[in-house]
Structure formats: structure tokens, C-alpha cells
């Protein structure tokens, strides 16, 4: 299923309504449990780049939308915090556990055994299978085709490891510094295909006026979670907030609005899967 079809889904007309509760002390108590922010009344969120199609829109100093930004705002409201403050932290630095004092990171992050040495991870908030982004009229339909293509992928990510160890392309891979750079390599024809998490690929294709399409995905268990410093005592509160926002439909609405993905339907599942044969 191409992203032209995904884009045909009705876009939710309004962002999730968020309440703002000012607090005068360092610890906030809400239905999500106890949360101690680094700055009173503020949820400080680290991410590695803005904009990222569909996840973070706007500029580093003035985020204006996107799935992860909307999730951060909904989490802040649920935990009784008045606003969200965003700090930009390089991806490799986030992986070391240094969030520059942020309460948590929302940065298209997948939990792995290696990353858990430096970080704590919340429960999953979004499925994110590796997806293939191509220019319109091109496709990657099976493993043989995938191995014959020239690829772009962000370095030091679970996606780059998957490409190297599982797909094993026959030609040299272009390693990029960001998902935006990966998308640009595909758009300008520098590479045949880009490997991105499905939410990012879907949003990139959706905003490309038909120039880019998601042609396939690899059936893995990759998914996105919030990351917290090892020293943080807030994991239970963050977990509780995420679970509640999934249960009340907030996550589904944000995914529909910003990514064009219908999590309650079949749009993501309808993108053809490339089986990996051991």
C-alpha cells in the first residue's frame, strides 16, 4: 500500500485537548503517579533533531507539532505540568545516558539490551518496523531487491544494524547523520532507498506531494519508547502516563493526525512485508 493510500485517511481535525495545571512544588501527583520534574511545573524533553517529519515539526526553539511533541504535551498535562521545554541532544549522546538534564527523551528511540546499560526505557508507545522509502515509481519488493539497492540509513541506529546484519546489501551504504538527511538522499536520487522507522517514513511520504512512497516494511518487533536517565525515579510515572494515553485513544489520534497511520485499523499492516529468511 503506497502512502498515497495512507494519505487518503481522514485527518483528525483537532489536537488532543490538553489541560494545564500549574504547580508550586517539585513533585507532581496525578493519575499517572508521582513525577518529580527537573524544573518545577515543566516537563523537559530531549530529542536529537527538529524538524523530523511527523514526529517533531517547527524549529528547535519553537516546536509546533508532530507525534512526539504532541505526546510530550499530553504527558505533561496528565502529570499536572504546565508546559513542555525541549532540549536538543545529539543522538549518540542520548545513547550514553546524558540527556542534558532533561526528564526524558522522545527521539524515535528503540529499547535494546545495549542501550539499557545507560538508559531506562518506558513501555512502548508506537510500533516502528523498519520501512523502505523510495522515489515514486520505484520499489523494493523482496530481499533480493533489497540487497541489490543502494541504501541510506542513519548511522549508529537499530536501523543501520538491521541493514548491515540482516539485509546485507551488495553495494556500499550511505550513512547519514539524521533521518532528514536519509530522506534527502532518497529524494534527490543519491540513493535508491532509505531505511527509516515506519512512522518517519510514512510522514515523509505523506508530505512529499507524491514524490516519495513507502513501498514495503520488514516484519520485526521494533517499537518506540521514552528513555530516562539511569538515575531517574520517574519511570513508573512515565510508564503509567503512556499506558493511560494509549488507553484513552490519545496515541491513536496523534498517529492519525501527524503520521497518517490508522493504528486502530489496518493501514500500517497493509504495507507489504518483506520476509526475512534465516
C-alpha atoms as a PDB file:
ATOM      1  CA  UNK A   1       0.000   0.000   0.000  1.00  0.00           C
ATOM      2  CA  UNK A   2       1.530   3.337  -1.037  1.00  0.00           C
ATOM      3  CA  UNK A   3       1.443   6.451   1.091  1.00  0.00           C
ATOM      4  CA  UNK A   4      -0.998   7.936  -1.425  1.00  0.00           C
ATOM      5  CA  UNK A   5      -3.456   5.461   0.006  1.00  0.00           C
ATOM      6  CA  UNK A   6      -2.354   6.201   3.554  1.00  0.00           C
ATOM      7  CA  UNK A   7      -2.771   9.894   2.943  1.00  0.00           C
ATOM      8  CA  UNK A   8      -6.389   9.350   1.966  1.00  0.00           C
ATOM      9  CA  UNK A   9      -7.321   8.634   5.565  1.00  0.00           C
ATOM     10  CA  UNK A  10      -9.285  11.416   7.167  1.00  0.00           C
ATOM     11  CA  UNK A  11      -7.028  13.616   9.256  1.00  0.00           C
ATOM     12  CA  UNK A  12      -8.176  14.287  12.780  1.00  0.00           C
ATOM     13  CA  UNK A  13      -9.283  17.895  12.795  1.00  0.00           C
ATOM     14  CA  UNK A  14      -8.001  18.945  16.162  1.00  0.00           C
ATOM     15  CA  UNK A  15      -5.153  18.168  18.510  1.00  0.00           C
ATOM     16  CA  UNK A  16      -5.925  16.370  21.722  1.00  0.00           C
ATOM     17  CA  UNK A  17      -7.253  18.838  24.243  1.00  0.00           C
ATOM     18  CA  UNK A  18      -4.625  19.331  26.916  1.00  0.00           C
ATOM     19  CA  UNK A  19      -5.199  20.662  30.392  1.00  0.00           C
ATOM     20  CA  UNK A  20      -2.554  22.780  32.092  1.00  0.00           C
ATOM     21  CA  UNK A  21      -2.131  22.661  35.831  1.00  0.00           C
ATOM     22  CA  UNK A  22       0.377  24.969  37.496  1.00  0.00           C
ATOM     23  CA  UNK A  23       2.197  23.501  40.443  1.00  0.00           C
ATOM     24  CA  UNK A  24       4.196  25.228  43.126  1.00  0.00           C
ATOM     25  CA  UNK A  25       6.373  22.336  44.253  1.00  0.00           C
ATOM     26  CA  UNK A  26       8.852  19.971  42.686  1.00  0.00           C
ATOM     27  CA  UNK A  27       6.755  16.788  42.833  1.00  0.00           C
ATOM     28  CA  UNK A  28       3.503  16.402  40.915  1.00  0.00           C
ATOM     29  CA  UNK A  29       0.854  13.862  41.839  1.00  0.00           C
ATOM     30  CA  UNK A  30      -1.730  12.886  39.250  1.00  0.00           C
ATOM     31  CA  UNK A  31      -3.478   9.780  37.998  1.00  0.00           C
ATOM     32  CA  UNK A  32      -0.106   8.897  36.480  1.00  0.00           C
ATOM     33  CA  UNK A  33       1.548   8.633  39.906  1.00  0.00           C
ATOM     34  CA  UNK A  34       4.392  10.665  41.372  1.00  0.00           C
ATOM     35  CA  UNK A  35       6.606  12.563  38.961  1.00  0.00           C
ATOM     36  CA  UNK A  36       9.492  14.795  40.027  1.00  0.00           C
ATOM     37  CA  UNK A  37      10.454  17.168  37.171  1.00  0.00           C
ATOM     38  CA  UNK A  38      13.903  18.673  36.896  1.00  0.00           C
ATOM     39  CA  UNK A  39      12.216  22.106  36.830  1.00  0.00           C
ATOM     40  CA  UNK A  40       9.005  22.711  38.775  1.00  0.00           C
ATOM     41  CA  UNK A  41       5.895  22.706  36.610  1.00  0.00           C
ATOM     42  CA  UNK A  42       7.787  21.807  33.410  1.00  0.00           C
ATOM     43  CA  UNK A  43       8.340  18.567  31.508  1.00  0.00           C
ATOM     44  CA  UNK A  44      11.808  18.837  29.945  1.00  0.00           C
ATOM     45  CA  UNK A  45      12.160  16.581  26.905  1.00  0.00           C
ATOM     46  CA  UNK A  46      15.327  15.744  24.990  1.00  0.00           C
ATOM     47  CA  UNK A  47      15.273  14.953  21.280  1.00  0.00           C
ATOM     48  CA  UNK A  48      18.088  14.854  18.750  1.00  0.00           C
ATOM     49  CA  UNK A  49      16.690  16.899  15.873  1.00  0.00           C
ATOM     50  CA  UNK A  50      13.837  19.188  14.895  1.00  0.00           C
ATOM     51  CA  UNK A  51      12.146  19.016  12.474  1.00  0.00           C
ATOM     52  CA  UNK A  52      11.659  15.280  11.962  1.00  0.00           C
ATOM     53  CA  UNK A  53       8.782  14.561   9.566  1.00  0.00           C
ATOM     54  CA  UNK A  54       5.684  13.668  11.521  1.00  0.00           C
ATOM     55  CA  UNK A  55       7.447  13.420  14.889  1.00  0.00           C
ATOM     56  CA  UNK A  56       8.661  16.975  15.543  1.00  0.00           C
ATOM     57  CA  UNK A  57       7.542  19.947  13.450  1.00  0.00           C
ATOM     58  CA  UNK A  58       8.744  23.544  13.693  1.00  0.00           C
ATOM     59  CA  UNK A  59      12.183  24.592  14.907  1.00  0.00           C
ATOM     60  CA  UNK A  60      14.364  23.639  17.902  1.00  0.00           C
ATOM     61  CA  UNK A  61      13.426  26.886  19.637  1.00  0.00           C
ATOM     62  CA  UNK A  62       9.769  26.701  18.669  1.00  0.00           C
ATOM     63  CA  UNK A  63       8.304  23.214  18.156  1.00  0.00           C
ATOM     64  CA  UNK A  64       4.838  23.490  16.653  1.00  0.00           C
ATOM     65  CA  UNK A  65       3.590  19.932  16.323  1.00  0.00           C
ATOM     66  CA  UNK A  66       4.327  16.322  15.495  1.00  0.00           C
ATOM     67  CA  UNK A  67       3.543  12.988  17.109  1.00  0.00           C
ATOM     68  CA  UNK A  68       6.281  13.015  19.752  1.00  0.00           C
ATOM     69  CA  UNK A  69       5.730  16.681  20.568  1.00  0.00           C
ATOM     70  CA  UNK A  70       2.006  16.014  20.956  1.00  0.00           C
ATOM     71  CA  UNK A  71       2.797  13.007  23.134  1.00  0.00           C
ATOM     72  CA  UNK A  72       5.072  15.142  25.327  1.00  0.00           C
ATOM     73  CA  UNK A  73       2.342  17.752  25.764  1.00  0.00           C
ATOM     74  CA  UNK A  74      -0.247  15.109  26.610  1.00  0.00           C
ATOM     75  CA  UNK A  75       2.119  13.524  29.139  1.00  0.00           C
ATOM     76  CA  UNK A  76       2.816  16.904  30.733  1.00  0.00           C
ATOM     77  CA  UNK A  77      -0.887  17.651  31.072  1.00  0.00           C
ATOM     78  CA  UNK A  78      -1.586  14.242  32.560  1.00  0.00           C
ATOM     79  CA  UNK A  79       1.189  14.689  35.125  1.00  0.00           C
ATOM     80  CA  UNK A  80      -0.036  18.147  36.120  1.00  0.00           C
ATOM     81  CA  UNK A  81       2.775  20.107  34.478  1.00  0.00           C
ATOM     82  CA  UNK A  82       2.131  23.467  32.872  1.00  0.00           C
ATOM     83  CA  UNK A  83       4.321  23.212  29.780  1.00  0.00           C
ATOM     84  CA  UNK A  84       6.936  21.308  27.777  1.00  0.00           C
ATOM     85  CA  UNK A  85      10.507  22.534  27.337  1.00  0.00           C
ATOM     86  CA  UNK A  86      12.578  20.867  24.592  1.00  0.00           C
ATOM     87  CA  UNK A  87      16.353  20.481  24.567  1.00  0.00           C
ATOM     88  CA  UNK A  88      18.332  19.248  21.567  1.00  0.00           C
ATOM     89  CA  UNK A  89      20.766  16.461  22.453  1.00  0.00           C
ATOM     90  CA  UNK A  90      22.779  14.596  19.775  1.00  0.00           C
ATOM     91  CA  UNK A  91      21.526  11.052  19.273  1.00  0.00           C
ATOM     92  CA  UNK A  92      24.830   9.433  20.232  1.00  0.00           C
ATOM     93  CA  UNK A  93      24.877  11.489  23.431  1.00  0.00           C
ATOM     94  CA  UNK A  94      21.358  10.374  24.335  1.00  0.00           C
ATOM     95  CA  UNK A  95      22.536   6.783  23.999  1.00  0.00           C
ATOM     96  CA  UNK A  96      25.253   7.407  26.598  1.00  0.00           C
ATOM     97  CA  UNK A  97      22.539   8.352  29.097  1.00  0.00           C
ATOM     98  CA  UNK A  98      23.383  12.067  29.106  1.00  0.00           C
ATOM     99  CA  UNK A  99      20.096  13.893  28.487  1.00  0.00           C
ATOM    100  CA  UNK A 100      21.483  17.327  29.456  1.00  0.00           C
ATOM    101  CA  UNK A 101      19.204  17.397  32.486  1.00  0.00           C
ATOM    102  CA  UNK A 102      16.020  16.512  30.613  1.00  0.00           C
ATOM    103  CA  UNK A 103      13.398  14.439  32.391  1.00  0.00           C
ATOM    104  CA  UNK A 104      13.143  12.041  29.471  1.00  0.00           C
ATOM    105  CA  UNK A 105      13.953  11.646  25.780  1.00  0.00           C
ATOM    106  CA  UNK A 106      11.439  11.225  22.967  1.00  0.00           C
ATOM    107  CA  UNK A 107      13.631  10.756  19.921  1.00  0.00           C
ATOM    108  CA  UNK A 108      12.435   7.848  17.758  1.00  0.00           C
ATOM    109  CA  UNK A 109      14.160   5.507  20.231  1.00  0.00           C
ATOM    110  CA  UNK A 110      14.012   1.727  20.324  1.00  0.00           C
ATOM    111  CA  UNK A 111      14.878  -0.100  23.532  1.00  0.00           C
ATOM    112  CA  UNK A 112      17.753  -2.582  23.204  1.00  0.00           C
ATOM    113  CA  UNK A 113      19.829  -4.615  25.655  1.00  0.00           C
ATOM    114  CA  UNK A 114      22.880  -2.498  24.846  1.00  0.00           C
ATOM    115  CA  UNK A 115      21.061   0.788  25.340  1.00  0.00           C
ATOM    116  CA  UNK A 116      19.640  -0.370  28.669  1.00  0.00           C
ATOM    117  CA  UNK A 117      23.178  -0.268  30.046  1.00  0.00           C
ATOM    118  CA  UNK A 118      22.925   3.540  30.042  1.00  0.00           C
ATOM    119  CA  UNK A 119      19.189   4.284  29.993  1.00  0.00           C
ATOM    120  CA  UNK A 120      15.837   3.208  31.380  1.00  0.00           C
ATOM    121  CA  UNK A 121      13.037   2.686  28.863  1.00  0.00           C
ATOM    122  CA  UNK A 122       9.306   3.085  29.246  1.00  0.00           C
ATOM    123  CA  UNK A 123       6.747   0.779  27.765  1.00  0.00           C
ATOM    124  CA  UNK A 124       6.140   1.006  24.014  1.00  0.00           C
ATOM    125  CA  UNK A 125       4.123   3.925  22.691  1.00  0.00           C
ATOM    126  CA  UNK A 126       4.323   3.205  18.937  1.00  0.00           C
ATOM    127  CA  UNK A 127       5.238   0.315  16.653  1.00  0.00           C
ATOM    128  CA  UNK A 128       8.104   1.206  14.324  1.00  0.00           C
ATOM    129  CA  UNK A 129       9.057  -1.531  11.906  1.00  0.00           C
ATOM    130  CA  UNK A 130      11.948  -0.760   9.500  1.00  0.00           C
ATOM    131  CA  UNK A 131      10.309   0.686   6.388  1.00  0.00           C
ATOM    132  CA  UNK A 132      11.551   1.280   2.853  1.00  0.00           C
ATOM    133  CA  UNK A 133      11.251   4.794   1.421  1.00  0.00           C
ATOM    134  CA  UNK A 134      11.674   5.164  -2.349  1.00  0.00           C
ATOM    135  CA  UNK A 135      11.007   7.712  -5.043  1.00  0.00           C
ATOM    136  CA  UNK A 136       7.645   7.321  -6.780  1.00  0.00           C
ATOM    137  CA  UNK A 137       7.773   4.647  -9.474  1.00  0.00           C
ATOM    138  CA  UNK A 138      10.456   2.620  -7.695  1.00  0.00           C
ATOM    139  CA  UNK A 139      10.069  -0.176  -5.181  1.00  0.00           C
ATOM    140  CA  UNK A 140      11.809  -2.776  -3.060  1.00  0.00           C
ATOM    141  CA  UNK A 141       9.596  -5.863  -3.046  1.00  0.00           C
ATOM    142  CA  UNK A 142      11.746  -8.708  -1.735  1.00  0.00           C
ATOM    143  CA  UNK A 143      15.058  -9.461  -0.058  1.00  0.00           C
ATOM    144  CA  UNK A 144      16.916  -9.932  -3.343  1.00  0.00           C
ATOM    145  CA  UNK A 145      15.791  -6.493  -4.480  1.00  0.00           C
ATOM    146  CA  UNK A 146      16.754  -5.038  -1.110  1.00  0.00           C
ATOM    147  CA  UNK A 147      20.245  -6.483  -1.374  1.00  0.00           C
ATOM    148  CA  UNK A 148      20.741  -5.043  -4.845  1.00  0.00           C
ATOM    149  CA  UNK A 149      19.768  -1.461  -3.938  1.00  0.00           C
ATOM    150  CA  UNK A 150      21.904   1.416  -2.759  1.00  0.00           C
ATOM    151  CA  UNK A 151      20.749   2.480   0.708  1.00  0.00           C
ATOM    152  CA  UNK A 152      20.831   5.469   3.022  1.00  0.00           C
ATOM    153  CA  UNK A 153      20.370   4.982   6.760  1.00  0.00           C
ATOM    154  CA  UNK A 154      21.187   6.935   9.915  1.00  0.00           C
ATOM    155  CA  UNK A 155      24.409   5.709  11.499  1.00  0.00           C
ATOM    156  CA  UNK A 156      24.564   4.084  14.949  1.00  0.00           C
ATOM    157  CA  UNK A 157      20.869   3.169  14.999  1.00  0.00           C
ATOM    158  CA  UNK A 158      18.971  -0.094  15.213  1.00  0.00           C
ATOM    159  CA  UNK A 159      18.110   0.533  11.557  1.00  0.00           C
ATOM    160  CA  UNK A 160      21.759   0.629  10.477  1.00  0.00           C
ATOM    161  CA  UNK A 161      22.443  -2.568  12.430  1.00  0.00           C
ATOM    162  CA  UNK A 162      19.434  -4.242  10.793  1.00  0.00           C
ATOM    163  CA  UNK A 163      20.580  -3.177   7.327  1.00  0.00           C
ATOM    164  CA  UNK A 164      24.138  -4.409   7.902  1.00  0.00           C
ATOM    165  CA  UNK A 165      23.371  -7.672   9.668  1.00  0.00           C
ATOM    166  CA  UNK A 166      20.058  -8.789   8.171  1.00  0.00           C
ATOM    167  CA  UNK A 167      19.570  -7.189   4.757  1.00  0.00           C
ATOM    168  CA  UNK A 168      23.294  -7.212   3.888  1.00  0.00           C
ATOM    169  CA  UNK A 169      23.258  -5.027   0.748  1.00  0.00           C
ATOM    170  CA  UNK A 170      25.713  -5.804  -2.016  1.00  0.00           C
ATOM    171  CA  UNK A 171      26.725  -2.167  -2.557  1.00  0.00           C
ATOM    172  CA  UNK A 172      28.098   0.472  -0.230  1.00  0.00           C
ATOM    173  CA  UNK A 173      25.625   2.081   2.160  1.00  0.00           C
ATOM    174  CA  UNK A 174      25.406   5.838   2.707  1.00  0.00           C
ATOM    175  CA  UNK A 175      25.412   6.506   6.451  1.00  0.00           C
ATOM    176  CA  UNK A 176      23.706   9.743   7.421  1.00  0.00           C
ATOM    177  CA  UNK A 177      23.651  11.949  10.490  1.00  0.00           C
ATOM    178  CA  UNK A 178      19.853  12.158  10.735  1.00  0.00           C
ATOM    179  CA  UNK A 179      16.587  10.852   9.388  1.00  0.00           C
ATOM    180  CA  UNK A 180      16.131  14.122   7.491  1.00  0.00           C
ATOM    181  CA  UNK A 181      19.433  13.507   5.691  1.00  0.00           C
ATOM    182  CA  UNK A 182      18.357   9.949   4.848  1.00  0.00           C
ATOM    183  CA  UNK A 183      15.113  11.264   3.342  1.00  0.00           C
ATOM    184  CA  UNK A 184      17.003  13.893   1.336  1.00  0.00           C
ATOM    185  CA  UNK A 185      19.338  11.272  -0.174  1.00  0.00           C
ATOM    186  CA  UNK A 186      16.297   9.358  -1.427  1.00  0.00           C
ATOM    187  CA  UNK A 187      14.511  12.472  -2.670  1.00  0.00           C
ATOM    188  CA  UNK A 188      17.482  13.760  -4.690  1.00  0.00           C
ATOM    189  CA  UNK A 189      18.345  10.349  -6.146  1.00  0.00           C
ATOM    190  CA  UNK A 190      21.667   9.926  -4.360  1.00  0.00           C
ATOM    191  CA  UNK A 191      20.491   6.504  -3.172  1.00  0.00           C
ATOM    192  CA  UNK A 192      17.817   4.076  -4.336  1.00  0.00           C
ATOM    193  CA  UNK A 193      16.124   3.639  -0.985  1.00  0.00           C
ATOM    194  CA  UNK A 194      16.164   4.806   2.603  1.00  0.00           C
ATOM    195  CA  UNK A 195      15.589   2.677   5.675  1.00  0.00           C
ATOM    196  CA  UNK A 196      13.545   4.534   8.290  1.00  0.00           C
ATOM    197  CA  UNK A 197      11.224   3.707  11.143  1.00  0.00           C
ATOM    198  CA  UNK A 198       7.745   3.343   9.653  1.00  0.00           C
ATOM    199  CA  UNK A 199       6.261   6.428  11.383  1.00  0.00           C
ATOM    200  CA  UNK A 200       9.017   8.662   9.965  1.00  0.00           C
ATOM    201  CA  UNK A 201       8.845   7.083   6.509  1.00  0.00           C
ATOM    202  CA  UNK A 202       5.057   7.413   6.454  1.00  0.00           C
ATOM    203  CA  UNK A 203       5.174  11.087   7.390  1.00  0.00           C
ATOM    204  CA  UNK A 204       7.947  11.822   4.871  1.00  0.00           C
ATOM    205  CA  UNK A 205       5.970  10.246   2.039  1.00  0.00           C
ATOM    206  CA  UNK A 206       2.755  11.915   3.159  1.00  0.00           C
ATOM    207  CA  UNK A 207       4.336  15.370   2.973  1.00  0.00           C
ATOM    208  CA  UNK A 208       6.172  14.822  -0.333  1.00  0.00           C
ATOM    209  CA  UNK A 209       3.305  15.576  -2.749  1.00  0.00           C
ATOM    210  CA  UNK A 210       3.566  12.067  -4.178  1.00  0.00           C
ATOM    211  CA  UNK A 211       7.300  12.191  -4.884  1.00  0.00           C
ATOM    212  CA  UNK A 212       8.138   9.612  -2.201  1.00  0.00           C
ATOM    213  CA  UNK A 213       6.397   6.370  -1.234  1.00  0.00           C
ATOM    214  CA  UNK A 214       6.718   3.689   1.405  1.00  0.00           C
ATOM    215  CA  UNK A 215       6.929   0.519  -0.670  1.00  0.00           C
ATOM    216  CA  UNK A 216       7.460  -2.149   1.988  1.00  0.00           C
ATOM    217  CA  UNK A 217       8.431  -2.927   5.559  1.00  0.00           C
ATOM    218  CA  UNK A 218      10.403  -5.618   7.350  1.00  0.00           C
ATOM    219  CA  UNK A 219       8.387  -7.589   9.932  1.00  0.00           C
ATOM    220  CA  UNK A 220      10.341  -7.055  13.137  1.00  0.00           C
ATOM    221  CA  UNK A 221       9.320  -6.209  16.684  1.00  0.00           C
ATOM    222  CA  UNK A 222      10.897  -2.735  16.699  1.00  0.00           C
ATOM    223  CA  UNK A 223       8.944  -0.122  18.599  1.00  0.00           C
ATOM    224  CA  UNK A 224       9.422   3.299  20.175  1.00  0.00           C
ATOM    225  CA  UNK A 225       9.765   4.093  23.875  1.00  0.00           C
ATOM    226  CA  UNK A 226      10.650   7.040  26.071  1.00  0.00           C
ATOM    227  CA  UNK A 227      14.148   6.941  27.562  1.00  0.00           C
ATOM    228  CA  UNK A 228      15.141   8.173  31.015  1.00  0.00           C
ATOM    229  CA  UNK A 229      18.490   8.551  32.736  1.00  0.00           C
ATOM    230  CA  UNK A 230      19.534   5.595  34.871  1.00  0.00           C
ATOM    231  CA  UNK A 231      19.330   7.778  37.972  1.00  0.00           C
ATOM    232  CA  UNK A 232      15.728   8.881  37.337  1.00  0.00           C
ATOM    233  CA  UNK A 233      12.995   7.812  39.754  1.00  0.00           C
ATOM    234  CA  UNK A 234      10.250   8.740  37.279  1.00  0.00           C
ATOM    235  CA  UNK A 235       9.993   5.564  35.186  1.00  0.00           C
ATOM    236  CA  UNK A 236       6.812   4.271  36.847  1.00  0.00           C
ATOM    237  CA  UNK A 237       5.077   7.637  36.421  1.00  0.00           C
ATOM    238  CA  UNK A 238       6.107   7.884  32.765  1.00  0.00           C
ATOM    239  CA  UNK A 239       5.001   4.310  32.123  1.00  0.00           C
ATOM    240  CA  UNK A 240       1.658   4.982  33.743  1.00  0.00           C
ATOM    241  CA  UNK A 241       1.100   8.132  31.687  1.00  0.00           C
ATOM    242  CA  UNK A 242       1.934   6.385  28.412  1.00  0.00           C
ATOM    243  CA  UNK A 243      -0.354   3.458  29.199  1.00  0.00           C
ATOM    244  CA  UNK A 244      -3.189   5.860  30.016  1.00  0.00           C
ATOM    245  CA  UNK A 245      -2.686   7.847  26.801  1.00  0.00           C
ATOM    246  CA  UNK A 246      -2.809   4.650  24.773  1.00  0.00           C
ATOM    247  CA  UNK A 247      -5.938   3.504  26.590  1.00  0.00           C
ATOM    248  CA  UNK A 248      -7.851   6.769  26.142  1.00  0.00           C
ATOM    249  CA  UNK A 249      -7.102   6.973  22.394  1.00  0.00           C
ATOM    250  CA  UNK A 250      -4.687   9.917  22.535  1.00  0.00           C
ATOM    251  CA  UNK A 251      -1.840   7.982  20.901  1.00  0.00           C
ATOM    252  CA  UNK A 252      -4.132   6.751  18.121  1.00  0.00           C
ATOM    253  CA  UNK A 253      -5.358  10.290  17.444  1.00  0.00           C
ATOM    254  CA  UNK A 254      -1.821  11.702  17.364  1.00  0.00           C
ATOM    255  CA  UNK A 255      -0.650   8.980  14.967  1.00  0.00           C
ATOM    256  CA  UNK A 256      -3.617   9.612  12.686  1.00  0.00           C
ATOM    257  CA  UNK A 257      -3.100  13.375  12.697  1.00  0.00           C
ATOM    258  CA  UNK A 258       0.675  13.586  12.291  1.00  0.00           C
ATOM    259  CA  UNK A 259       1.689  10.315  10.613  1.00  0.00           C
ATOM    260  CA  UNK A 260      -1.329   9.374   8.514  1.00  0.00           C
ATOM    261  CA  UNK A 261      -1.347   5.962  10.213  1.00  0.00           C
ATOM    262  CA  UNK A 262      -4.565   4.405  11.439  1.00  0.00           C
ATOM    263  CA  UNK A 263      -3.442   2.419  14.483  1.00  0.00           C
ATOM    264  CA  UNK A 264      -6.944   1.171  15.155  1.00  0.00           C
ATOM    265  CA  UNK A 265      -7.313  -0.073  11.587  1.00  0.00           C
ATOM    266  CA  UNK A 266      -5.038  -1.763   9.063  1.00  0.00           C
ATOM    267  CA  UNK A 267      -3.135   0.989   7.249  1.00  0.00           C
ATOM    268  CA  UNK A 268       0.268   0.100   8.697  1.00  0.00           C
ATOM    269  CA  UNK A 269      -0.333  -3.626   8.298  1.00  0.00           C
ATOM    270  CA  UNK A 270      -1.360  -3.159   4.670  1.00  0.00           C
ATOM    271  CA  UNK A 271       2.119  -2.010   3.647  1.00  0.00           C
ATOM    272  CA  UNK A 272       3.695  -5.112   2.050  1.00  0.00           C
ATOM    273  CA  UNK A 273       6.131  -7.019   4.265  1.00  0.00           C
ATOM    274  CA  UNK A 274       9.467  -8.415   3.107  1.00  0.00           C
ATOM    275  CA  UNK A 275      10.014 -11.727   4.914  1.00  0.00           C
ATOM    276  CA  UNK A 276      13.474 -12.368   6.288  1.00  0.00           C
ATOM    277  CA  UNK A 277      14.515 -15.997   5.848  1.00  0.00           C
ATOM    278  CA  UNK A 278      17.159 -17.120   8.381  1.00  0.00           C
END
